[in-house]
Amino acid sequence: MLSSAEIQLGKYMVARLVETKPKTAVYGIFSAHQEDRLGTVKWFAPWRQYCFFSMDVAVFNSGCFQDLTKFLVALNEGRKKGEAST
């Protein structure tokens, strides 16, 4: 069961809020079926947008990339509108 700080990303991944900063949030991206951390989504100031930072060994299929892209687009659009990231 997902907590209020978790977001299901398609069939295989879950985003968990791991840190709240004054203007942005940091999410851990985990396997939905195991506790493996696949990476982190956080604000990347040089590009002025949320980006995904992969762990050393992470395996994704095209559906996972699509689900992750949807999550990043939603965070970045919310940031442009001045919405909270949590």
PDB file of N, CA and C in Angstrom:
ATOM      1  N   MET A   1       0.839  -1.189   0.000  1.00  0.00           N
ATOM      2  CA  MET A   1       0.000   0.000   0.000  1.00  0.00           C
ATOM      3  C   MET A   1       0.881   1.249   0.000  1.00  0.00           C
ATOM      4  N   LEU A   2       0.510   2.236  -0.784  1.00  0.00           N
ATOM      5  CA  LEU A   2       1.279   3.468  -0.873  1.00  0.00           C
ATOM      6  C   LEU A   2       0.919   4.406   0.266  1.00  0.00           C
ATOM      7  N   SER A   3       1.923   5.095   0.794  1.00  0.00           N
ATOM      8  CA  SER A   3       1.664   6.134   1.781  1.00  0.00           C
ATOM      9  C   SER A   3       1.341   7.421   1.040  1.00  0.00           C
ATOM     10  N   SER A   4       0.958   8.460   1.767  1.00  0.00           N
ATOM     11  CA  SER A   4       0.630   9.738   1.140  1.00  0.00           C
ATOM     12  C   SER A   4       1.859  10.376   0.495  1.00  0.00           C
ATOM     13  N   ALA A   5       3.055   9.950   0.898  1.00  0.00           N
ATOM     14  CA  ALA A   5       4.285  10.501   0.341  1.00  0.00           C
ATOM     15  C   ALA A   5       4.828   9.628  -0.789  1.00  0.00           C
ATOM     16  N   GLU A   6       4.037   8.668  -1.280  1.00  0.00           N
ATOM     17  CA  GLU A   6       4.450   7.798  -2.378  1.00  0.00           C
ATOM     18  C   GLU A   6       3.573   8.017  -3.600  1.00  0.00           C
ATOM     19  N   ILE A   7       4.196   7.908  -4.761  1.00  0.00           N
ATOM     20  CA  ILE A   7       3.484   8.065  -6.024  1.00  0.00           C
ATOM     21  C   ILE A   7       3.818   6.857  -6.889  1.00  0.00           C
ATOM     22  N   GLN A   8       2.792   6.153  -7.341  1.00  0.00           N
ATOM     23  CA  GLN A   8       3.012   5.003  -8.224  1.00  0.00           C
ATOM     24  C   GLN A   8       3.398   5.517  -9.598  1.00  0.00           C
ATOM     25  N   LEU A   9       4.508   5.032 -10.128  1.00  0.00           N
ATOM     26  CA  LEU A   9       4.963   5.402 -11.461  1.00  0.00           C
ATOM     27  C   LEU A   9       4.838   4.174 -12.347  1.00  0.00           C
ATOM     28  N   GLY A  10       3.699   4.024 -12.962  1.00  0.00           N
ATOM     29  CA  GLY A  10       3.474   2.870 -13.812  1.00  0.00           C
ATOM     30  C   GLY A  10       3.425   1.585 -13.008  1.00  0.00           C
ATOM     31  N   LYS A  11       3.791   0.505 -13.656  1.00  0.00           N
ATOM     32  CA  LYS A  11       3.683  -0.829 -13.066  1.00  0.00           C
ATOM     33  C   LYS A  11       4.884  -1.197 -12.196  1.00  0.00           C
ATOM     34  N   TYR A  12       6.055  -0.643 -12.490  1.00  0.00           N
ATOM     35  CA  TYR A  12       7.278  -1.143 -11.884  1.00  0.00           C
ATOM     36  C   TYR A  12       7.991  -0.224 -10.899  1.00  0.00           C
ATOM     37  N   MET A  13       7.557   1.048 -10.795  1.00  0.00           N
ATOM     38  CA  MET A  13       8.299   1.986  -9.953  1.00  0.00           C
ATOM     39  C   MET A  13       7.397   2.771  -9.023  1.00  0.00           C
ATOM     40  N   VAL A  14       8.010   3.244  -7.932  1.00  0.00           N
ATOM     41  CA  VAL A  14       7.348   4.093  -6.945  1.00  0.00           C
ATOM     42  C   VAL A  14       8.274   5.259  -6.643  1.00  0.00           C
ATOM     43  N   ALA A  15       7.725   6.474  -6.569  1.00  0.00           N
ATOM     44  CA  ALA A  15       8.481   7.644  -6.133  1.00  0.00           C
ATOM     45  C   ALA A  15       8.125   7.901  -4.676  1.00  0.00           C
ATOM     46  N   ARG A  16       9.142   8.046  -3.836  1.00  0.00           N
ATOM     47  CA  ARG A  16       8.926   8.343  -2.415  1.00  0.00           C
ATOM     48  C   ARG A  16       9.574   9.678  -2.096  1.00  0.00           C
ATOM     49  N   LEU A  17       8.800  10.554  -1.485  1.00  0.00           N
ATOM     50  CA  LEU A  17       9.330  11.830  -1.038  1.00  0.00           C
ATOM     51  C   LEU A  17      10.357  11.561   0.057  1.00  0.00           C
ATOM     52  N   VAL A  18      11.608  11.977  -0.158  1.00  0.00           N
ATOM     53  CA  VAL A  18      12.657  11.716   0.819  1.00  0.00           C
ATOM     54  C   VAL A  18      13.162  12.992   1.481  1.00  0.00           C
ATOM     55  N   GLU A  19      12.897  14.147   0.860  1.00  0.00           N
ATOM     56  CA  GLU A  19      13.341  15.414   1.444  1.00  0.00           C
ATOM     57  C   GLU A  19      12.515  16.556   0.861  1.00  0.00           C
ATOM     58  N   THR A  20      12.140  17.490   1.710  1.00  0.00           N
ATOM     59  CA  THR A  20      11.450  18.690   1.265  1.00  0.00           C
ATOM     60  C   THR A  20      12.365  19.875   1.517  1.00  0.00           C
ATOM     61  N   LYS A  21      12.670  20.586   0.459  1.00  0.00           N
ATOM     62  CA  LYS A  21      13.501  21.784   0.555  1.00  0.00           C
ATOM     63  C   LYS A  21      12.589  23.002   0.458  1.00  0.00           C
ATOM     64  N   PRO A  22      13.093  24.215   0.709  1.00  0.00           N
ATOM     65  CA  PRO A  22      12.216  25.390   0.682  1.00  0.00           C
ATOM     66  C   PRO A  22      11.409  25.565  -0.604  1.00  0.00           C
ATOM     67  N   LYS A  23      12.019  25.289  -1.759  1.00  0.00           N
ATOM     68  CA  LYS A  23      11.312  25.491  -3.027  1.00  0.00           C
ATOM     69  C   LYS A  23      11.150  24.232  -3.853  1.00  0.00           C
ATOM     70  N   THR A  24      11.808  23.159  -3.482  1.00  0.00           N
ATOM     71  CA  THR A  24      11.771  21.934  -4.282  1.00  0.00           C
ATOM     72  C   THR A  24      11.654  20.718  -3.371  1.00  0.00           C
ATOM     73  N   ALA A  25      11.513  19.576  -3.991  1.00  0.00           N
ATOM     74  CA  ALA A  25      11.429  18.311  -3.263  1.00  0.00           C
ATOM     75  C   ALA A  25      12.418  17.324  -3.875  1.00  0.00           C
ATOM     76  N   VAL A  26      12.774  16.312  -3.081  1.00  0.00           N
ATOM     77  CA  VAL A  26      13.659  15.252  -3.547  1.00  0.00           C
ATOM     78  C   VAL A  26      12.901  13.940  -3.413  1.00  0.00           C
ATOM     79  N   TYR A  27      12.855  13.159  -4.492  1.00  0.00           N
ATOM     80  CA  TYR A  27      12.157  11.878  -4.504  1.00  0.00           C
ATOM     81  C   TYR A  27      13.136  10.743  -4.764  1.00  0.00           C
ATOM     82  N   GLY A  28      13.026   9.687  -4.000  1.00  0.00           N
ATOM     83  CA  GLY A  28      13.730   8.454  -4.299  1.00  0.00           C
ATOM     84  C   GLY A  28      12.851   7.649  -5.238  1.00  0.00           C
ATOM     85  N   ILE A  29      13.441   7.054  -6.242  1.00  0.00           N
ATOM     86  CA  ILE A  29      12.708   6.207  -7.183  1.00  0.00           C
ATOM     87  C   ILE A  29      13.081   4.768  -6.851  1.00  0.00           C
ATOM     88  N   PHE A  30      12.063   3.967  -6.532  1.00  0.00           N
ATOM     89  CA  PHE A  30      12.268   2.599  -6.072  1.00  0.00           C
ATOM     90  C   PHE A  30      11.531   1.618  -6.956  1.00  0.00           C
ATOM     91  N   SER A  31      12.015   0.401  -6.984  1.00  0.00           N
ATOM     92  CA  SER A  31      11.299  -0.694  -7.626  1.00  0.00           C
ATOM     93  C   SER A  31      10.005  -0.913  -6.857  1.00  0.00           C
ATOM     94  N   ALA A  32       8.901  -1.093  -7.560  1.00  0.00           N
ATOM     95  CA  ALA A  32       7.610  -1.286  -6.897  1.00  0.00           C
ATOM     96  C   ALA A  32       7.509  -2.643  -6.219  1.00  0.00           C
ATOM     97  N   HIS A  33       8.303  -3.611  -6.650  1.00  0.00           N
ATOM     98  CA  HIS A  33       8.181  -4.969  -6.133  1.00  0.00           C
ATOM     99  C   HIS A  33       9.299  -5.343  -5.174  1.00  0.00           C
ATOM    100  N   GLN A  34      10.321  -4.512  -5.099  1.00  0.00           N
ATOM    101  CA  GLN A  34      11.433  -4.737  -4.187  1.00  0.00           C
ATOM    102  C   GLN A  34      11.784  -3.394  -3.570  1.00  0.00           C
ATOM    103  N   GLU A  35      12.709  -3.389  -2.661  1.00  0.00           N
ATOM    104  CA  GLU A  35      13.123  -2.132  -2.043  1.00  0.00           C
ATOM    105  C   GLU A  35      14.356  -1.537  -2.712  1.00  0.00           C
ATOM    106  N   ASP A  36      14.653  -1.967  -3.926  1.00  0.00           N
ATOM    107  CA  ASP A  36      15.825  -1.464  -4.626  1.00  0.00           C
ATOM    108  C   ASP A  36      15.620  -0.003  -5.021  1.00  0.00           C
ATOM    109  N   ARG A  37      16.583   0.838  -4.657  1.00  0.00           N
ATOM    110  CA  ARG A  37      16.545   2.237  -5.088  1.00  0.00           C
ATOM    111  C   ARG A  37      17.176   2.324  -6.463  1.00  0.00           C
ATOM    112  N   LEU A  38      16.427   2.857  -7.404  1.00  0.00           N
ATOM    113  CA  LEU A  38      16.876   2.965  -8.783  1.00  0.00           C
ATOM    114  C   LEU A  38      17.563   4.299  -9.059  1.00  0.00           C
ATOM    115  N   GLY A  39      17.214   5.306  -8.279  1.00  0.00           N
ATOM    116  CA  GLY A  39      17.799   6.626  -8.467  1.00  0.00           C
ATOM    117  C   GLY A  39      17.060   7.673  -7.675  1.00  0.00           C
ATOM    118  N   THR A  40      17.311   8.929  -8.027  1.00  0.00           N
ATOM    119  CA  THR A  40      16.742  10.072  -7.319  1.00  0.00           C
ATOM    120  C   THR A  40      16.252  11.092  -8.339  1.00  0.00           C
ATOM    121  N   VAL A  41      15.120  11.716  -8.051  1.00  0.00           N
ATOM    122  CA  VAL A  41      14.637  12.851  -8.826  1.00  0.00           C
ATOM    123  C   VAL A  41      14.776  14.074  -7.935  1.00  0.00           C
ATOM    124  N   LYS A  42      15.538  15.068  -8.431  1.00  0.00           N
ATOM    125  CA  LYS A  42      15.731  16.293  -7.664  1.00  0.00           C
ATOM    126  C   LYS A  42      15.968  17.457  -8.618  1.00  0.00           C
ATOM    127  N   TRP A  43      15.889  18.664  -8.067  1.00  0.00           N
ATOM    128  CA  TRP A  43      16.087  19.874  -8.860  1.00  0.00           C
ATOM    129  C   TRP A  43      17.557  19.965  -9.270  1.00  0.00           C
ATOM    130  N   PHE A  44      17.793  20.233 -10.560  1.00  0.00           N
ATOM    131  CA  PHE A  44      19.139  20.397 -11.090  1.00  0.00           C
ATOM    132  C   PHE A  44      19.271  21.845 -11.543  1.00  0.00           C
ATOM    133  N   ALA A  45      19.872  22.673 -10.688  1.00  0.00           N
ATOM    134  CA  ALA A  45      19.917  24.123 -10.917  1.00  0.00           C
ATOM    135  C   ALA A  45      20.522  24.528 -12.256  1.00  0.00           C
ATOM    136  N   PRO A  46      21.624  23.894 -12.717  1.00  0.00           N
ATOM    137  CA  PRO A  46      22.177  24.339 -14.008  1.00  0.00           C
ATOM    138  C   PRO A  46      21.187  24.242 -15.177  1.00  0.00           C
ATOM    139  N   TRP A  47      20.285  23.277 -15.128  1.00  0.00           N
ATOM    140  CA  TRP A  47      19.294  23.114 -16.194  1.00  0.00           C
ATOM    141  C   TRP A  47      17.945  23.709 -15.814  1.00  0.00           C
ATOM    142  N   ARG A  48      17.820  24.176 -14.566  1.00  0.00           N
ATOM    143  CA  ARG A  48      16.590  24.774 -14.040  1.00  0.00           C
ATOM    144  C   ARG A  48      15.372  23.871 -14.243  1.00  0.00           C
ATOM    145  N   GLN A  49      15.532  22.603 -13.867  1.00  0.00           N
ATOM    146  CA  GLN A  49      14.434  21.638 -13.957  1.00  0.00           C
ATOM    147  C   GLN A  49      14.739  20.413 -13.104  1.00  0.00           C
ATOM    148  N   TYR A  50      13.692  19.647 -12.814  1.00  0.00           N
ATOM    149  CA  TYR A  50      13.872  18.370 -12.132  1.00  0.00           C
ATOM    150  C   TYR A  50      14.497  17.378 -13.110  1.00  0.00           C
ATOM    151  N   CYS A  51      15.442  16.590 -12.604  1.00  0.00           N
ATOM    152  CA  CYS A  51      16.114  15.578 -13.416  1.00  0.00           C
ATOM    153  C   CYS A  51      16.221  14.280 -12.623  1.00  0.00           C
ATOM    154  N   PHE A  52      16.426  13.190 -13.334  1.00  0.00           N
ATOM    155  CA  PHE A  52      16.615  11.879 -12.735  1.00  0.00           C
ATOM    156  C   PHE A  52      18.103  11.568 -12.664  1.00  0.00           C
ATOM    157  N   PHE A  53      18.558  11.178 -11.473  1.00  0.00           N
ATOM    158  CA  PHE A  53      19.943  10.781 -11.244  1.00  0.00           C
ATOM    159  C   PHE A  53      19.944   9.293 -10.941  1.00  0.00           C
ATOM    160  N   SER A  54      20.454   8.503 -11.869  1.00  0.00           N
ATOM    161  CA  SER A  54      20.415   7.046 -11.767  1.00  0.00           C
ATOM    162  C   SER A  54      21.448   6.526 -10.773  1.00  0.00           C
ATOM    163  N   MET A  55      21.117   5.408 -10.132  1.00  0.00           N
ATOM    164  CA  MET A  55      22.094   4.686  -9.331  1.00  0.00           C
ATOM    165  C   MET A  55      23.045   3.992 -10.307  1.00  0.00           C
ATOM    166  N   ASP A  56      24.119   3.437  -9.807  1.00  0.00           N
ATOM    167  CA  ASP A  56      25.128   2.804 -10.665  1.00  0.00           C
ATOM    168  C   ASP A  56      24.547   1.743 -11.597  1.00  0.00           C
ATOM    169  N   VAL A  57      23.771   0.822 -11.057  1.00  0.00           N
ATOM    170  CA  VAL A  57      23.219  -0.260 -11.859  1.00  0.00           C
ATOM    171  C   VAL A  57      21.698  -0.226 -11.734  1.00  0.00           C
ATOM    172  N   ALA A  58      21.060   0.329 -12.736  1.00  0.00           N
ATOM    173  CA  ALA A  58      19.603   0.386 -12.762  1.00  0.00           C
ATOM    174  C   ALA A  58      19.151  -0.101 -14.131  1.00  0.00           C
ATOM    175  N   VAL A  59      18.114  -0.923 -14.160  1.00  0.00           N
ATOM    176  CA  VAL A  59      17.616  -1.490 -15.412  1.00  0.00           C
ATOM    177  C   VAL A  59      16.217  -0.945 -15.662  1.00  0.00           C
ATOM    178  N   PHE A  60      15.988  -0.436 -16.868  1.00  0.00           N
ATOM    179  CA  PHE A  60      14.702   0.142 -17.243  1.00  0.00           C
ATOM    180  C   PHE A  60      14.285  -0.396 -18.598  1.00  0.00           C
ATOM    181  N   ASN A  61      12.973  -0.545 -18.777  1.00  0.00           N
ATOM    182  CA  ASN A  61      12.459  -0.824 -20.114  1.00  0.00           C
ATOM    183  C   ASN A  61      11.842   0.468 -20.647  1.00  0.00           C
ATOM    184  N   SER A  62      11.352   0.455 -21.875  1.00  0.00           N
ATOM    185  CA  SER A  62      10.820   1.682 -22.472  1.00  0.00           C
ATOM    186  C   SER A  62       9.619   2.216 -21.696  1.00  0.00           C
ATOM    187  N   GLY A  63       8.804   1.327 -21.143  1.00  0.00           N
ATOM    188  CA  GLY A  63       7.661   1.762 -20.341  1.00  0.00           C
ATOM    189  C   GLY A  63       8.099   2.491 -19.082  1.00  0.00           C
ATOM    190  N   CYS A  64       9.167   2.004 -18.453  1.00  0.00           N
ATOM    191  CA  CYS A  64       9.697   2.672 -17.256  1.00  0.00           C
ATOM    192  C   CYS A  64      10.176   4.076 -17.600  1.00  0.00           C
ATOM    193  N   PHE A  65      10.859   4.213 -18.727  1.00  0.00           N
ATOM    194  CA  PHE A  65      11.317   5.539 -19.138  1.00  0.00           C
ATOM    195  C   PHE A  65      10.136   6.466 -19.413  1.00  0.00           C
ATOM    196  N   GLN A  66       9.090   5.952 -20.021  1.00  0.00           N
ATOM    197  CA  GLN A  66       7.899   6.772 -20.279  1.00  0.00           C
ATOM    198  C   GLN A  66       7.258   7.215 -18.969  1.00  0.00           C
ATOM    199  N   ASP A  67       7.141   6.288 -18.006  1.00  0.00           N
ATOM    200  CA  ASP A  67       6.541   6.624 -16.718  1.00  0.00           C
ATOM    201  C   ASP A  67       7.388   7.655 -15.970  1.00  0.00           C
ATOM    202  N   LEU A  68       8.686   7.495 -16.003  1.00  0.00           N
ATOM    203  CA  LEU A  68       9.590   8.434 -15.355  1.00  0.00           C
ATOM    204  C   LEU A  68       9.516   9.799 -16.035  1.00  0.00           C
ATOM    205  N   THR A  69       9.430   9.812 -17.349  1.00  0.00           N
ATOM    206  CA  THR A  69       9.315  11.068 -18.091  1.00  0.00           C
ATOM    207  C   THR A  69       8.027  11.803 -17.718  1.00  0.00           C
ATOM    208  N   LYS A  70       6.917  11.100 -17.603  1.00  0.00           N
ATOM    209  CA  LYS A  70       5.642  11.720 -17.205  1.00  0.00           C
ATOM    210  C   LYS A  70       5.769  12.373 -15.839  1.00  0.00           C
ATOM    211  N   PHE A  71       6.439  11.691 -14.908  1.00  0.00           N
ATOM    212  CA  PHE A  71       6.637  12.225 -13.563  1.00  0.00           C
ATOM    213  C   PHE A  71       7.485  13.499 -13.610  1.00  0.00           C
ATOM    214  N   LEU A  72       8.584  13.487 -14.355  1.00  0.00           N
ATOM    215  CA  LEU A  72       9.439  14.665 -14.479  1.00  0.00           C
ATOM    216  C   LEU A  72       8.692  15.831 -15.124  1.00  0.00           C
ATOM    217  N   VAL A  73       7.946  15.566 -16.171  1.00  0.00           N
ATOM    218  CA  VAL A  73       7.179  16.623 -16.844  1.00  0.00           C
ATOM    219  C   VAL A  73       6.185  17.242 -15.865  1.00  0.00           C
ATOM    220  N   ALA A  74       5.489  16.422 -15.097  1.00  0.00           N
ATOM    221  CA  ALA A  74       4.516  16.946 -14.137  1.00  0.00           C
ATOM    222  C   ALA A  74       5.196  17.810 -13.073  1.00  0.00           C
ATOM    223  N   LEU A  75       6.332  17.371 -12.549  1.00  0.00           N
ATOM    224  CA  LEU A  75       7.055  18.166 -11.558  1.00  0.00           C
ATOM    225  C   LEU A  75       7.524  19.492 -12.150  1.00  0.00           C
ATOM    226  N   ASN A  76       8.086  19.444 -13.351  1.00  0.00           N
ATOM    227  CA  ASN A  76       8.598  20.662 -13.981  1.00  0.00           C
ATOM    228  C   ASN A  76       7.478  21.633 -14.345  1.00  0.00           C
ATOM    229  N   GLU A  77       6.342  21.127 -14.815  1.00  0.00           N
ATOM    230  CA  GLU A  77       5.214  21.998 -15.123  1.00  0.00           C
ATOM    231  C   GLU A  77       4.659  22.630 -13.852  1.00  0.00           C
ATOM    232  N   GLY A  78       4.581  21.839 -12.783  1.00  0.00           N
ATOM    233  CA  GLY A  78       4.130  22.376 -11.498  1.00  0.00           C
ATOM    234  C   GLY A  78       5.065  23.447 -10.974  1.00  0.00           C
ATOM    235  N   ARG A  79       6.343  23.247 -11.140  1.00  0.00           N
ATOM    236  CA  ARG A  79       7.339  24.242 -10.701  1.00  0.00           C
ATOM    237  C   ARG A  79       7.177  25.547 -11.473  1.00  0.00           C
ATOM    238  N   LYS A  80       6.947  25.456 -12.782  1.00  0.00           N
ATOM    239  CA  LYS A  80       6.751  26.663 -13.603  1.00  0.00           C
ATOM    240  C   LYS A  80       5.514  27.440 -13.163  1.00  0.00           C
ATOM    241  N   LYS A  81       4.494  26.709 -12.705  1.00  0.00           N
ATOM    242  CA  LYS A  81       3.256  27.343 -12.262  1.00  0.00           C
ATOM    243  C   LYS A  81       3.340  27.811 -10.819  1.00  0.00           C
ATOM    244  N   GLY A  82       4.467  27.528 -10.161  1.00  0.00           N
ATOM    245  CA  GLY A  82       4.650  27.957  -8.782  1.00  0.00           C
ATOM    246  C   GLY A  82       3.991  27.053  -7.773  1.00  0.00           C
ATOM    247  N   GLU A  83       3.633  25.849  -8.192  1.00  0.00           N
ATOM    248  CA  GLU A  83       2.984  24.908  -7.292  1.00  0.00           C
ATOM    249  C   GLU A  83       4.022  24.229  -6.412  1.00  0.00           C
ATOM    250  N   ALA A  84       3.583  23.776  -5.244  1.00  0.00           N
ATOM    251  CA  ALA A  84       4.456  23.014  -4.357  1.00  0.00           C
ATOM    252  C   ALA A  84       4.789  21.680  -5.008  1.00  0.00           C
ATOM    253  N   SER A  85       5.965  21.162  -4.737  1.00  0.00           N
ATOM    254  CA  SER A  85       6.423  19.919  -5.353  1.00  0.00           C
ATOM    255  C   SER A  85       6.039  18.693  -4.562  1.00  0.00           C
ATOM    256  N   THR A  86       5.419  18.844  -3.449  1.00  0.00           N
ATOM    257  CA  THR A  86       5.093  17.700  -2.603  1.00  0.00           C
ATOM    258  C   THR A  86       3.674  17.286  -2.767  1.00  0.00           C
TER     259      THR A  86
END
